[in-house]
PDB file of N, CA and C in Angstrom:
ATOM      1  N   MET A   1      -8.907  21.628   5.314  1.00  0.00           N
ATOM      2  CA  MET A   1      -8.328  21.220   6.373  1.00  0.00           C
ATOM      3  C   MET A   1      -6.595  20.433   5.182  1.00  0.00           C
ATOM      4  N   THR A   2      -7.032  20.015   4.155  1.00  0.00           N
ATOM      5  CA  THR A   2      -6.148  19.067   3.172  1.00  0.00           C
ATOM      6  C   THR A   2      -4.904  20.138   2.693  1.00  0.00           C
ATOM      7  N   THR A   3      -5.586  21.271   2.026  1.00  0.00           N
ATOM      8  CA  THR A   3      -4.258  22.775   1.904  1.00  0.00           C
ATOM      9  C   THR A   3      -3.602  22.837   3.284  1.00  0.00           C
ATOM     10  N   ALA A   4      -4.257  23.429   4.424  1.00  0.00           N
ATOM     11  CA  ALA A   4      -2.911  23.206   5.341  1.00  0.00           C
ATOM     12  C   ALA A   4      -2.286  22.463   5.597  1.00  0.00           C
ATOM     13  N   LEU A   5      -2.727  21.230   5.469  1.00  0.00           N
ATOM     14  CA  LEU A   5      -1.509  20.795   5.624  1.00  0.00           C
ATOM     15  C   LEU A   5      -0.439  19.928   4.828  1.00  0.00           C
ATOM     16  N   HIS A   6      -0.973  20.295   3.283  1.00  0.00           N
ATOM     17  CA  HIS A   6       0.016  20.753   2.332  1.00  0.00           C
ATOM     18  C   HIS A   6       1.090  21.417   2.233  1.00  0.00           C
ATOM     19  N   ASP A   7       0.422  22.722   3.127  1.00  0.00           N
ATOM     20  CA  ASP A   7       1.187  23.940   3.449  1.00  0.00           C
ATOM     21  C   ASP A   7       2.572  23.657   4.608  1.00  0.00           C
ATOM     22  N   TRP A   8       1.609  22.857   5.558  1.00  0.00           N
ATOM     23  CA  TRP A   8       2.614  22.546   6.953  1.00  0.00           C
ATOM     24  C   TRP A   8       3.360  21.261   6.068  1.00  0.00           C
ATOM     25  N   PHE A   9       3.539  20.879   5.383  1.00  0.00           N
ATOM     26  CA  PHE A   9       4.467  20.116   5.060  1.00  0.00           C
ATOM     27  C   PHE A   9       5.737  20.664   4.184  1.00  0.00           C
ATOM     28  N   ALA A  10       5.074  21.508   2.888  1.00  0.00           N
ATOM     29  CA  ALA A  10       5.972  22.310   2.337  1.00  0.00           C
ATOM     30  C   ALA A  10       6.652  23.177   3.307  1.00  0.00           C
ATOM     31  N   ALA A  11       6.534  23.765   4.191  1.00  0.00           N
ATOM     32  CA  ALA A  11       7.550  24.347   5.495  1.00  0.00           C
ATOM     33  C   ALA A  11       8.009  23.838   6.102  1.00  0.00           C
ATOM     34  N   TYR A  12       7.595  22.493   6.352  1.00  0.00           N
ATOM     35  CA  TYR A  12       8.631  21.159   6.991  1.00  0.00           C
ATOM     36  C   TYR A  12       9.994  20.967   5.907  1.00  0.00           C
ATOM     37  N   ALA A  13       9.769  20.732   4.840  1.00  0.00           N
ATOM     38  CA  ALA A  13      10.389  20.372   3.905  1.00  0.00           C
ATOM     39  C   ALA A  13      11.238  22.034   3.901  1.00  0.00           C
ATOM     40  N   ARG A  14      10.887  23.087   3.722  1.00  0.00           N
ATOM     41  CA  ARG A  14      11.879  24.360   3.980  1.00  0.00           C
ATOM     42  C   ARG A  14      12.846  23.890   5.406  1.00  0.00           C
ATOM     43  N   ASP A  15      12.158  24.050   6.326  1.00  0.00           N
ATOM     44  CA  ASP A  15      12.906  23.641   7.829  1.00  0.00           C
ATOM     45  C   ASP A  15      14.241  22.615   7.521  1.00  0.00           C
ATOM     46  N   LEU A  16      13.902  22.008   6.803  1.00  0.00           N
ATOM     47  CA  LEU A  16      14.869  20.548   6.841  1.00  0.00           C
ATOM     48  C   LEU A  16      16.094  21.248   5.566  1.00  0.00           C
ATOM     49  N   GLU A  17      15.861  21.993   4.687  1.00  0.00           N
ATOM     50  CA  GLU A  17      16.600  22.139   3.525  1.00  0.00           C
ATOM     51  C   GLU A  17      17.395  23.372   4.240  1.00  0.00           C
ATOM     52  N   ALA A  18      16.501  24.624   5.422  1.00  0.00           N
ATOM     53  CA  ALA A  18      17.434  25.464   5.846  1.00  0.00           C
ATOM     54  C   ALA A  18      17.956  25.097   7.440  1.00  0.00           C
ATOM     55  N   ALA A  19      18.056  23.938   7.337  1.00  0.00           N
ATOM     56  CA  ALA A  19      18.718  23.476   8.695  1.00  0.00           C
ATOM     57  C   ALA A  19      18.325  23.966  10.177  1.00  0.00           C
ATOM     58  N   ASP A  20      16.804  24.464  10.131  1.00  0.00           N
ATOM     59  CA  ASP A  20      16.397  25.256  11.522  1.00  0.00           C
ATOM     60  C   ASP A  20      15.888  23.870  12.354  1.00  0.00           C
ATOM     61  N   ARG A  21      16.546  23.478  12.948  1.00  0.00           N
ATOM     62  CA  ARG A  21      16.975  22.317  14.140  1.00  0.00           C
ATOM     63  C   ARG A  21      15.652  23.000  14.813  1.00  0.00           C
ATOM     64  N   PRO A  22      15.586  23.750  15.587  1.00  0.00           N
ATOM     65  CA  PRO A  22      14.756  23.964  16.723  1.00  0.00           C
ATOM     66  C   PRO A  22      13.177  24.215  15.706  1.00  0.00           C
ATOM     67  N   ALA A  23      13.126  24.695  14.613  1.00  0.00           N
ATOM     68  CA  ALA A  23      11.800  24.951  13.685  1.00  0.00           C
ATOM     69  C   ALA A  23      11.796  23.195  13.663  1.00  0.00           C
ATOM     70  N   ILE A  24      12.548  22.455  13.371  1.00  0.00           N
ATOM     71  CA  ILE A  24      12.332  20.702  12.815  1.00  0.00           C
ATOM     72  C   ILE A  24      11.810  20.132  13.876  1.00  0.00           C
ATOM     73  N   LEU A  25      12.657  20.514  15.116  1.00  0.00           N
ATOM     74  CA  LEU A  25      12.077  20.001  16.812  1.00  0.00           C
ATOM     75  C   LEU A  25      10.719  20.338  16.994  1.00  0.00           C
ATOM     76  N   ALA A  26      10.390  21.482  16.934  1.00  0.00           N
ATOM     77  CA  ALA A  26       8.871  21.912  17.047  1.00  0.00           C
ATOM     78  C   ALA A  26       7.378  21.627  16.241  1.00  0.00           C
ATOM     79  N   ARG A  27       7.768  20.778  15.492  1.00  0.00           N
ATOM     80  CA  ARG A  27       7.220  19.891  14.546  1.00  0.00           C
ATOM     81  C   ARG A  27       6.395  18.302  14.906  1.00  0.00           C
ATOM     82  N   TYR A  28       7.100  18.271  16.139  1.00  0.00           N
ATOM     83  CA  TYR A  28       6.901  16.811  16.883  1.00  0.00           C
ATOM     84  C   TYR A  28       6.054  17.126  17.701  1.00  0.00           C
ATOM     85  N   HIS A  29       5.395  15.972  18.280  1.00  0.00           N
ATOM     86  CA  HIS A  29       4.316  15.942  19.301  1.00  0.00           C
ATOM     87  C   HIS A  29       4.919  15.656  20.769  1.00  0.00           C
ATOM     88  N   PRO A  30       4.694  17.284  21.402  1.00  0.00           N
ATOM     89  CA  PRO A  30       4.995  17.002  23.072  1.00  0.00           C
ATOM     90  C   PRO A  30       5.433  16.018  23.701  1.00  0.00           C
ATOM     91  N   GLU A  31       4.692  14.829  23.845  1.00  0.00           N
ATOM     92  CA  GLU A  31       4.730  14.014  24.208  1.00  0.00           C
ATOM     93  C   GLU A  31       5.471  12.966  23.797  1.00  0.00           C
ATOM     94  N   GLY A  32       6.156  13.306  22.541  1.00  0.00           N
ATOM     95  CA  GLY A  32       7.132  12.065  21.687  1.00  0.00           C
ATOM     96  C   GLY A  32       6.599  11.669  20.528  1.00  0.00           C
ATOM     97  N   ALA A  33       7.306  10.769  19.762  1.00  0.00           N
ATOM     98  CA  ALA A  33       6.804  10.404  18.568  1.00  0.00           C
ATOM     99  C   ALA A  33       7.054   9.023  18.070  1.00  0.00           C
ATOM    100  N   TRP A  34       6.894   7.955  17.637  1.00  0.00           N
ATOM    101  CA  TRP A  34       6.956   6.847  16.953  1.00  0.00           C
ATOM    102  C   TRP A  34       7.926   6.939  15.663  1.00  0.00           C
ATOM    103  N   MET A  35       8.409   6.811  15.914  1.00  0.00           N
ATOM    104  CA  MET A  35       9.956   6.370  14.443  1.00  0.00           C
ATOM    105  C   MET A  35       9.785   4.872  14.170  1.00  0.00           C
ATOM    106  N   VAL A  36       9.339   4.717  13.041  1.00  0.00           N
ATOM    107  CA  VAL A  36      10.026   3.313  12.423  1.00  0.00           C
ATOM    108  C   VAL A  36      11.313   3.665  11.677  1.00  0.00           C
ATOM    109  N   ARG A  37      12.232   2.826  11.686  1.00  0.00           N
ATOM    110  CA  ARG A  37      12.768   2.802  10.633  1.00  0.00           C
ATOM    111  C   ARG A  37      13.570   0.889  10.248  1.00  0.00           C
ATOM    112  N   LYS A  38      13.610   0.482   9.316  1.00  0.00           N
ATOM    113  CA  LYS A  38      13.523  -0.877   8.986  1.00  0.00           C
ATOM    114  C   LYS A  38      12.670  -1.702   9.543  1.00  0.00           C
ATOM    115  N   GLY A  39      11.316  -1.113   9.555  1.00  0.00           N
ATOM    116  CA  GLY A  39      10.439  -1.965   9.972  1.00  0.00           C
ATOM    117  C   GLY A  39      10.477  -1.649  11.897  1.00  0.00           C
ATOM    118  N   VAL A  40      11.225  -1.167  12.493  1.00  0.00           N
ATOM    119  CA  VAL A  40      11.698  -1.114  13.924  1.00  0.00           C
ATOM    120  C   VAL A  40      10.703  -0.352  14.639  1.00  0.00           C
ATOM    121  N   PRO A  41      10.021  -0.441  15.740  1.00  0.00           N
ATOM    122  CA  PRO A  41       9.066   0.605  15.676  1.00  0.00           C
ATOM    123  C   PRO A  41       9.538   1.355  17.272  1.00  0.00           C
ATOM    124  N   ARG A  42       9.917   2.498  17.532  1.00  0.00           N
ATOM    125  CA  ARG A  42      10.520   2.640  18.703  1.00  0.00           C
ATOM    126  C   ARG A  42       9.807   4.034  19.131  1.00  0.00           C
ATOM    127  N   LEU A  43       9.059   4.383  20.110  1.00  0.00           N
ATOM    128  CA  LEU A  43       8.661   5.851  20.808  1.00  0.00           C
ATOM    129  C   LEU A  43       9.810   6.417  21.532  1.00  0.00           C
ATOM    130  N   LEU A  44       9.859   7.691  20.624  1.00  0.00           N
ATOM    131  CA  LEU A  44      11.075   8.885  21.080  1.00  0.00           C
ATOM    132  C   LEU A  44      10.468   9.536  22.163  1.00  0.00           C
ATOM    133  N   SER A  45      11.010  10.330  23.336  1.00  0.00           N
ATOM    134  CA  SER A  45      10.046  10.806  23.926  1.00  0.00           C
ATOM    135  C   SER A  45      10.605  12.097  23.395  1.00  0.00           C
ATOM    136  N   PHE A  46       9.931  13.525  24.046  1.00  0.00           N
ATOM    137  CA  PHE A  46      10.474  14.794  23.264  1.00  0.00           C
ATOM    138  C   PHE A  46      12.056  15.136  23.424  1.00  0.00           C
ATOM    139  N   ALA A  47      12.329  14.192  25.069  1.00  0.00           N
ATOM    140  CA  ALA A  47      13.511  14.858  25.247  1.00  0.00           C
ATOM    141  C   ALA A  47      14.777  14.145  24.141  1.00  0.00           C
ATOM    142  N   ASP A  48      14.120  12.705  24.146  1.00  0.00           N
ATOM    143  CA  ASP A  48      14.888  11.855  23.206  1.00  0.00           C
ATOM    144  C   ASP A  48      14.841  12.597  21.846  1.00  0.00           C
ATOM    145  N   LEU A  49      13.668  13.236  21.213  1.00  0.00           N
ATOM    146  CA  LEU A  49      13.826  14.404  20.071  1.00  0.00           C
ATOM    147  C   LEU A  49      14.807  14.914  19.919  1.00  0.00           C
ATOM    148  N   THR A  50      14.679  15.775  21.096  1.00  0.00           N
ATOM    149  CA  THR A  50      15.584  17.144  21.525  1.00  0.00           C
ATOM    150  C   THR A  50      16.860  16.764  21.219  1.00  0.00           C
ATOM    151  N   LYS A  51      17.940  15.394  21.778  1.00  0.00           N
ATOM    152  CA  LYS A  51      18.813  14.959  21.800  1.00  0.00           C
ATOM    153  C   LYS A  51      19.162  14.664  20.459  1.00  0.00           C
ATOM    154  N   ARG A  52      18.138  14.312  19.693  1.00  0.00           N
ATOM    155  CA  ARG A  52      18.132  13.584  18.146  1.00  0.00           C
ATOM    156  C   ARG A  52      18.842  14.764  17.365  1.00  0.00           C
ATOM    157  N   TYR A  53      17.465  16.072  17.169  1.00  0.00           N
ATOM    158  CA  TYR A  53      17.451  16.853  16.085  1.00  0.00           C
ATOM    159  C   TYR A  53      18.715  17.886  16.834  1.00  0.00           C
ATOM    160  N   LEU A  54      18.610  18.148  17.923  1.00  0.00           N
ATOM    161  CA  LEU A  54      19.773  19.414  18.410  1.00  0.00           C
ATOM    162  C   LEU A  54      20.859  19.057  18.233  1.00  0.00           C
ATOM    163  N   GLY A  55      21.552  17.640  18.444  1.00  0.00           N
ATOM    164  CA  GLY A  55      23.048  17.216  18.795  1.00  0.00           C
ATOM    165  C   GLY A  55      23.076  16.959  17.461  1.00  0.00           C
ATOM    166  N   PRO A  56      24.889  16.522  17.426  1.00  0.00           N
ATOM    167  CA  PRO A  56      25.783  16.700  16.369  1.00  0.00           C
ATOM    168  C   PRO A  56      25.532  15.530  15.597  1.00  0.00           C
ATOM    169  N   ALA A  57      24.771  14.247  15.820  1.00  0.00           N
ATOM    170  CA  ALA A  57      24.893  13.037  14.821  1.00  0.00           C
ATOM    171  C   ALA A  57      23.731  13.217  14.035  1.00  0.00           C
ATOM    172  N   TRP A  58      22.408  14.017  14.503  1.00  0.00           N
ATOM    173  CA  TRP A  58      21.784  14.540  13.446  1.00  0.00           C
ATOM    174  C   TRP A  58      22.381  14.863  12.039  1.00  0.00           C
ATOM    175  N   GLN A  59      22.307  14.942  10.905  1.00  0.00           N
ATOM    176  CA  GLN A  59      22.517  15.827   9.748  1.00  0.00           C
ATOM    177  C   GLN A  59      21.718  16.331   8.819  1.00  0.00           C
ATOM    178  N   PRO A  60      21.157  17.516   8.547  1.00  0.00           N
ATOM    179  CA  PRO A  60      20.894  17.951   7.462  1.00  0.00           C
ATOM    180  C   PRO A  60      20.850  17.558   6.337  1.00  0.00           C
ATOM    181  N   PRO A  61      19.992  17.282   5.274  1.00  0.00           N
ATOM    182  CA  PRO A  61      19.791  17.524   3.754  1.00  0.00           C
ATOM    183  C   PRO A  61      20.420  18.996   3.446  1.00  0.00           C
ATOM    184  N   THR A  62      21.068  18.247   2.462  1.00  0.00           N
ATOM    185  CA  THR A  62      21.648  19.781   1.689  1.00  0.00           C
ATOM    186  C   THR A  62      20.004  20.160   0.940  1.00  0.00           C
ATOM    187  N   SER A  63      19.533  19.349  -0.112  1.00  0.00           N
ATOM    188  CA  SER A  63      18.356  18.987  -0.411  1.00  0.00           C
ATOM    189  C   SER A  63      17.486  18.606   0.185  1.00  0.00           C
ATOM    190  N   PHE A  64      16.076  18.763  -0.473  1.00  0.00           N
ATOM    191  CA  PHE A  64      14.769  17.836   0.124  1.00  0.00           C
ATOM    192  C   PHE A  64      13.977  18.159  -0.657  1.00  0.00           C
ATOM    193  N   ALA A  65      12.951  17.323  -1.285  1.00  0.00           N
ATOM    194  CA  ALA A  65      12.082  17.576  -1.583  1.00  0.00           C
ATOM    195  C   ALA A  65      10.882  16.442  -1.444  1.00  0.00           C
ATOM    196  N   TRP A  66       9.433  16.282  -1.716  1.00  0.00           N
ATOM    197  CA  TRP A  66       8.667  15.227  -1.540  1.00  0.00           C
ATOM    198  C   TRP A  66       8.447  15.220  -2.671  1.00  0.00           C
ATOM    199  N   ARG A  67       8.060  14.290  -2.830  1.00  0.00           N
ATOM    200  CA  ARG A  67       7.347  13.413  -3.832  1.00  0.00           C
ATOM    201  C   ARG A  67       6.210  12.355  -3.878  1.00  0.00           C
ATOM    202  N   ASP A  68       5.148  12.642  -4.685  1.00  0.00           N
ATOM    203  CA  ASP A  68       3.585  12.184  -4.377  1.00  0.00           C
ATOM    204  C   ASP A  68       2.851  12.106  -3.213  1.00  0.00           C
ATOM    205  N   LEU A  69       3.233  13.269  -2.796  1.00  0.00           N
ATOM    206  CA  LEU A  69       3.392  13.190  -1.329  1.00  0.00           C
ATOM    207  C   LEU A  69       1.663  13.297  -0.987  1.00  0.00           C
ATOM    208  N   ARG A  70       0.672  11.691  -0.220  1.00  0.00           N
ATOM    209  CA  ARG A  70      -0.672  12.109  -0.261  1.00  0.00           C
ATOM    210  C   ARG A  70      -1.184  12.038   1.277  1.00  0.00           C
ATOM    211  N   ILE A  71      -2.324  12.832   1.790  1.00  0.00           N
ATOM    212  CA  ILE A  71      -2.701  13.510   2.973  1.00  0.00           C
ATOM    213  C   ILE A  71      -4.321  12.848   2.539  1.00  0.00           C
ATOM    214  N   GLU A  72      -4.541  12.378   3.696  1.00  0.00           N
ATOM    215  CA  GLU A  72      -5.978  11.717   4.626  1.00  0.00           C
ATOM    216  C   GLU A  72      -6.019  12.546   5.777  1.00  0.00           C
ATOM    217  N   PRO A  73      -7.420  13.183   5.612  1.00  0.00           N
ATOM    218  CA  PRO A  73      -7.977  13.369   6.751  1.00  0.00           C
ATOM    219  C   PRO A  73      -8.058  12.291   8.285  1.00  0.00           C
ATOM    220  N   VAL A  74      -8.057  12.347   9.215  1.00  0.00           N
ATOM    221  CA  VAL A  74      -8.185  10.831  10.129  1.00  0.00           C
ATOM    222  C   VAL A  74      -8.802  11.779  11.339  1.00  0.00           C
ATOM    223  N   GLY A  75     -10.289  11.830  10.705  1.00  0.00           N
ATOM    224  CA  GLY A  75     -11.236  12.422  11.721  1.00  0.00           C
ATOM    225  C   GLY A  75     -10.895  13.761  11.676  1.00  0.00           C
ATOM    226  N   SER A  76     -10.944  15.046  13.035  1.00  0.00           N
ATOM    227  CA  SER A  76     -10.896  16.572  12.971  1.00  0.00           C
ATOM    228  C   SER A  76     -10.025  16.850  13.385  1.00  0.00           C
ATOM    229  N   GLU A  77      -8.744  15.423  14.036  1.00  0.00           N
ATOM    230  CA  GLU A  77      -7.737  16.075  14.831  1.00  0.00           C
ATOM    231  C   GLU A  77      -6.599  15.459  14.714  1.00  0.00           C
ATOM    232  N   GLY A  78      -6.565  14.542  13.135  1.00  0.00           N
ATOM    233  CA  GLY A  78      -5.774  13.666  12.591  1.00  0.00           C
ATOM    234  C   GLY A  78      -5.307  13.736  10.823  1.00  0.00           C
ATOM    235  N   ALA A  79      -4.374  13.674  10.922  1.00  0.00           N
ATOM    236  CA  ALA A  79      -3.851  13.180   9.374  1.00  0.00           C
ATOM    237  C   ALA A  79      -3.271  11.990   9.032  1.00  0.00           C
ATOM    238  N   LEU A  80      -2.944  11.520   8.297  1.00  0.00           N
ATOM    239  CA  LEU A  80      -2.011  10.535   7.214  1.00  0.00           C
ATOM    240  C   LEU A  80      -1.514  11.010   6.188  1.00  0.00           C
ATOM    241  N   ALA A  81      -0.312  11.232   6.212  1.00  0.00           N
ATOM    242  CA  ALA A  81       0.911  11.241   4.871  1.00  0.00           C
ATOM    243  C   ALA A  81       1.243  10.201   4.581  1.00  0.00           C
ATOM    244  N   ILE A  82       1.015   9.836   2.957  1.00  0.00           N
ATOM    245  CA  ILE A  82       2.219   9.065   2.309  1.00  0.00           C
ATOM    246  C   ILE A  82       2.318   9.423   1.073  1.00  0.00           C
ATOM    247  N   GLY A  83       3.887   8.988   0.832  1.00  0.00           N
ATOM    248  CA  GLY A  83       4.162   9.534  -0.131  1.00  0.00           C
ATOM    249  C   GLY A  83       5.959   9.027  -0.519  1.00  0.00           C
ATOM    250  N   GLN A  84       6.886   9.623  -0.712  1.00  0.00           N
ATOM    251  CA  GLN A  84       8.032   9.540  -0.716  1.00  0.00           C
ATOM    252  C   GLN A  84       8.485  11.084  -0.686  1.00  0.00           C
ATOM    253  N   PHE A  85      10.171  10.695  -0.443  1.00  0.00           N
ATOM    254  CA  PHE A  85      11.157  12.130  -0.403  1.00  0.00           C
ATOM    255  C   PHE A  85      12.110  12.056  -0.986  1.00  0.00           C
ATOM    256  N   VAL A  86      12.949  12.935  -1.469  1.00  0.00           N
ATOM    257  CA  VAL A  86      14.566  13.054  -1.792  1.00  0.00           C
ATOM    258  C   VAL A  86      15.315  13.677  -0.878  1.00  0.00           C
ATOM    259  N   TRP A  87      16.490  12.839  -0.318  1.00  0.00           N
ATOM    260  CA  TRP A  87      17.386  13.251   0.319  1.00  0.00           C
ATOM    261  C   TRP A  87      18.714  13.430  -0.081  1.00  0.00           C
ATOM    262  N   GLU A  88      19.743  14.680  -0.297  1.00  0.00           N
ATOM    263  CA  GLU A  88      20.528  14.665  -0.706  1.00  0.00           C
ATOM    264  C   GLU A  88      21.246  15.029   0.858  1.00  0.00           C
ATOM    265  N   ARG A  89      22.668  13.822   1.016  1.00  0.00           N
ATOM    266  CA  ARG A  89      23.184  14.329   1.779  1.00  0.00           C
ATOM    267  C   ARG A  89      24.315  14.859   1.291  1.00  0.00           C
ATOM    268  N   ALA A  90      25.460  15.486   2.312  1.00  0.00           N
ATOM    269  CA  ALA A  90      26.444  16.380   1.854  1.00  0.00           C
ATOM    270  C   ALA A  90      27.728  16.145   1.209  1.00  0.00           C
ATOM    271  N   ASN A  91      27.317  14.853   1.328  1.00  0.00           N
ATOM    272  CA  ASN A  91      28.399  14.028   0.335  1.00  0.00           C
ATOM    273  C   ASN A  91      28.074  14.115  -1.105  1.00  0.00           C
ATOM    274  N   GLY A  92      26.927  14.696  -1.275  1.00  0.00           N
ATOM    275  CA  GLY A  92      25.959  14.271  -2.733  1.00  0.00           C
ATOM    276  C   GLY A  92      25.629  13.198  -3.301  1.00  0.00           C
ATOM    277  N   GLN A  93      25.292  12.176  -2.229  1.00  0.00           N
ATOM    278  CA  GLN A  93      24.598  11.192  -2.258  1.00  0.00           C
ATOM    279  C   GLN A  93      22.945  11.634  -2.374  1.00  0.00           C
ATOM    280  N   GLN A  94      21.702  10.398  -3.058  1.00  0.00           N
ATOM    281  CA  GLN A  94      20.672  11.001  -3.167  1.00  0.00           C
ATOM    282  C   GLN A  94      20.051  10.218  -2.766  1.00  0.00           C
ATOM    283  N   GLU A  95      19.245  10.085  -2.112  1.00  0.00           N
ATOM    284  CA  GLU A  95      18.213   8.772  -1.658  1.00  0.00           C
ATOM    285  C   GLU A  95      16.952   9.020  -1.307  1.00  0.00           C
ATOM    286  N   LEU A  96      16.159   7.789  -2.258  1.00  0.00           N
ATOM    287  CA  LEU A  96      14.368   8.442  -2.451  1.00  0.00           C
ATOM    288  C   LEU A  96      14.196   7.275  -1.046  1.00  0.00           C
ATOM    289  N   ILE A  97      13.000   8.058  -0.505  1.00  0.00           N
ATOM    290  CA  ILE A  97      13.068   7.623   0.970  1.00  0.00           C
ATOM    291  C   ILE A  97      11.356   7.349   1.031  1.00  0.00           C
ATOM    292  N   SER A  98      10.484   6.383   1.323  1.00  0.00           N
ATOM    293  CA  SER A  98       9.829   5.914   1.403  1.00  0.00           C
ATOM    294  C   SER A  98       9.150   6.919   2.659  1.00  0.00           C
ATOM    295  N   TYR A  99       7.611   7.138   2.742  1.00  0.00           N
ATOM    296  CA  TYR A  99       7.651   7.855   4.156  1.00  0.00           C
ATOM    297  C   TYR A  99       5.853   7.856   4.212  1.00  0.00           C
ATOM    298  N   THR A 100       5.813   7.914   5.853  1.00  0.00           N
ATOM    299  CA  THR A 100       4.249   7.723   6.264  1.00  0.00           C
ATOM    300  C   THR A 100       4.406   8.169   7.372  1.00  0.00           C
ATOM    301  N   GLY A 101       4.009   9.137   7.957  1.00  0.00           N
ATOM    302  CA  GLY A 101       3.850  10.119   8.616  1.00  0.00           C
ATOM    303  C   GLY A 101       1.973  10.160   9.567  1.00  0.00           C
ATOM    304  N   MET A 102       2.016  10.384  10.766  1.00  0.00           N
ATOM    305  CA  MET A 102       0.785  10.627  11.316  1.00  0.00           C
ATOM    306  C   MET A 102       0.898  11.663  12.235  1.00  0.00           C
ATOM    307  N   LEU A 103       0.057  13.290  12.143  1.00  0.00           N
ATOM    308  CA  LEU A 103       0.077  13.906  12.438  1.00  0.00           C
ATOM    309  C   LEU A 103      -1.487  14.089  13.370  1.00  0.00           C
ATOM    310  N   LEU A 104      -1.191  14.767  14.311  1.00  0.00           N
ATOM    311  CA  LEU A 104      -2.492  14.830  15.768  1.00  0.00           C
ATOM    312  C   LEU A 104      -2.442  16.262  15.840  1.00  0.00           C
ATOM    313  N   ALA A 105      -3.275  16.697  15.997  1.00  0.00           N
ATOM    314  CA  ALA A 105      -3.548  18.309  16.182  1.00  0.00           C
ATOM    315  C   ALA A 105      -3.515  19.052  17.942  1.00  0.00           C
ATOM    316  N   VAL A 106      -2.310  19.869  18.133  1.00  0.00           N
ATOM    317  CA  VAL A 106      -2.155  19.995  19.267  1.00  0.00           C
ATOM    318  C   VAL A 106      -2.304  21.764  19.232  1.00  0.00           C
ATOM    319  N   ASP A 107      -2.975  22.308  20.053  1.00  0.00           N
ATOM    320  CA  ASP A 107      -2.724  23.382  20.292  1.00  0.00           C
ATOM    321  C   ASP A 107      -3.030  24.258  19.295  1.00  0.00           C
ATOM    322  N   GLY A 108      -4.082  23.913  18.376  1.00  0.00           N
ATOM    323  CA  GLY A 108      -3.991  24.591  17.327  1.00  0.00           C
ATOM    324  C   GLY A 108      -3.235  24.698  16.015  1.00  0.00           C
ATOM    325  N   GLY A 109      -2.005  23.833  16.128  1.00  0.00           N
ATOM    326  CA  GLY A 109      -1.372  23.539  15.085  1.00  0.00           C
ATOM    327  C   GLY A 109      -1.284  21.828  14.882  1.00  0.00           C
ATOM    328  N   TRP A 110      -0.434  21.191  13.890  1.00  0.00           N
ATOM    329  CA  TRP A 110      -0.210  20.030  13.365  1.00  0.00           C
ATOM    330  C   TRP A 110       1.254  19.441  14.288  1.00  0.00           C
ATOM    331  N   ARG A 111       1.092  18.394  14.782  1.00  0.00           N
ATOM    332  CA  ARG A 111       2.462  17.345  15.364  1.00  0.00           C
ATOM    333  C   ARG A 111       2.782  16.492  15.087  1.00  0.00           C
ATOM    334  N   ILE A 112       4.127  15.661  14.267  1.00  0.00           N
ATOM    335  CA  ILE A 112       4.154  14.415  14.342  1.00  0.00           C
ATOM    336  C   ILE A 112       3.932  13.551  15.274  1.00  0.00           C
ATOM    337  N   ARG A 113       2.868  13.007  15.242  1.00  0.00           N
ATOM    338  CA  ARG A 113       3.314  11.577  16.170  1.00  0.00           C
ATOM    339  C   ARG A 113       4.110  10.207  15.715  1.00  0.00           C
ATOM    340  N   LEU A 114       4.065  10.013  14.491  1.00  0.00           N
ATOM    341  CA  LEU A 114       4.587   8.880  14.144  1.00  0.00           C
ATOM    342  C   LEU A 114       5.345   8.798  12.573  1.00  0.00           C
ATOM    343  N   GLU A 115       6.727   8.579  12.747  1.00  0.00           N
ATOM    344  CA  GLU A 115       7.122   8.790  11.015  1.00  0.00           C
ATOM    345  C   GLU A 115       7.909   7.170  10.643  1.00  0.00           C
ATOM    346  N   ASP A 116       7.438   6.783   9.277  1.00  0.00           N
ATOM    347  CA  ASP A 116       8.379   5.692   9.467  1.00  0.00           C
ATOM    348  C   ASP A 116       8.486   5.996   7.761  1.00  0.00           C
ATOM    349  N   GLU A 117      10.353   5.895   8.020  1.00  0.00           N
ATOM    350  CA  GLU A 117      10.897   6.150   7.241  1.00  0.00           C
ATOM    351  C   GLU A 117      12.041   5.033   6.599  1.00  0.00           C
ATOM    352  N   ASN A 118      11.992   5.368   5.113  1.00  0.00           N
ATOM    353  CA  ASN A 118      12.961   4.005   4.837  1.00  0.00           C
ATOM    354  C   ASN A 118      13.690   4.104   3.871  1.00  0.00           C
ATOM    355  N   LEU A 119      14.594   3.771   3.187  1.00  0.00           N
ATOM    356  CA  LEU A 119      15.349   3.861   1.711  1.00  0.00           C
ATOM    357  C   LEU A 119      14.689   3.311   0.970  1.00  0.00           C
ATOM    358  N   ALA A 120      13.994   3.681  -0.154  1.00  0.00           N
ATOM    359  CA  ALA A 120      13.369   2.971  -1.326  1.00  0.00           C
ATOM    360  C   ALA A 120      14.522   2.797  -2.758  1.00  0.00           C
ATOM    361  N   GLU A 121      15.342   4.072  -2.546  1.00  0.00           N
ATOM    362  CA  GLU A 121      16.372   3.515  -3.546  1.00  0.00           C
ATOM    363  C   GLU A 121      17.677   4.734  -3.858  1.00  0.00           C
ATOM    364  N   ILE A 122      18.831   4.734  -3.724  1.00  0.00           N
ATOM    365  CA  ILE A 122      20.205   5.256  -4.297  1.00  0.00           C
ATOM    366  C   ILE A 122      19.317   6.046  -5.429  1.00  0.00           C
ATOM    367  N   LEU A 123      19.342   7.056  -5.514  1.00  0.00           N
ATOM    368  CA  LEU A 123      19.517   7.906  -6.467  1.00  0.00           C
ATOM    369  C   LEU A 123      20.661   8.311  -7.427  1.00  0.00           C
ATOM    370  N   ARG A 124      21.547   8.565  -6.697  1.00  0.00           N
ATOM    371  CA  ARG A 124      23.115   9.082  -7.174  1.00  0.00           C
ATOM    372  C   ARG A 124      23.919   8.727  -5.680  1.00  0.00           C
ATOM    373  N   PRO A 125      24.960   8.111  -6.210  1.00  0.00           N
ATOM    374  CA  PRO A 125      25.867   7.339  -5.117  1.00  0.00           C
ATOM    375  C   PRO A 125      26.829   9.018  -4.579  1.00  0.00           C
ATOM    376  N   PRO A 126      27.267   8.595  -3.360  1.00  0.00           N
ATOM    377  CA  PRO A 126      28.090   9.702  -3.265  1.00  0.00           C
ATOM    378  C   PRO A 126      29.704  10.164  -4.229  1.00  0.00           C
ATOM    379  N   SER A 127      29.305  11.349  -4.182  1.00  0.00           N
ATOM    380  CA  SER A 127      30.501  12.007  -5.576  1.00  0.00           C
ATOM    381  C   SER A 127      31.927  12.021  -4.682  1.00  0.00           C
TER     382      SER A 127
END
């Protein structure tokens, strides 16, 4: 299970770097997902997630890399991911973001039900 989940997260990183918005959206749970930003949890419906990732406000990274990602199975139907990632913006700014995610098994695949992302450090200011 853990190897398959590491492969899943590697593919997620490739989707982000490729700005493959439909593929990114397809990684989320069909009932929506909890998003926690700055300690504030919000449950977004799949329709909300669609507007977010297919709309013009969300900007993909120019580069993306996981750091120290740890994955723990939660029974046979869930997984917890804890780590960090580096997100580079179009202006050259690089941010180190803390990450906690909960994935659930849906129709033979994994789908994100919760993501908690928070800025840990600015690694490189904007150019």
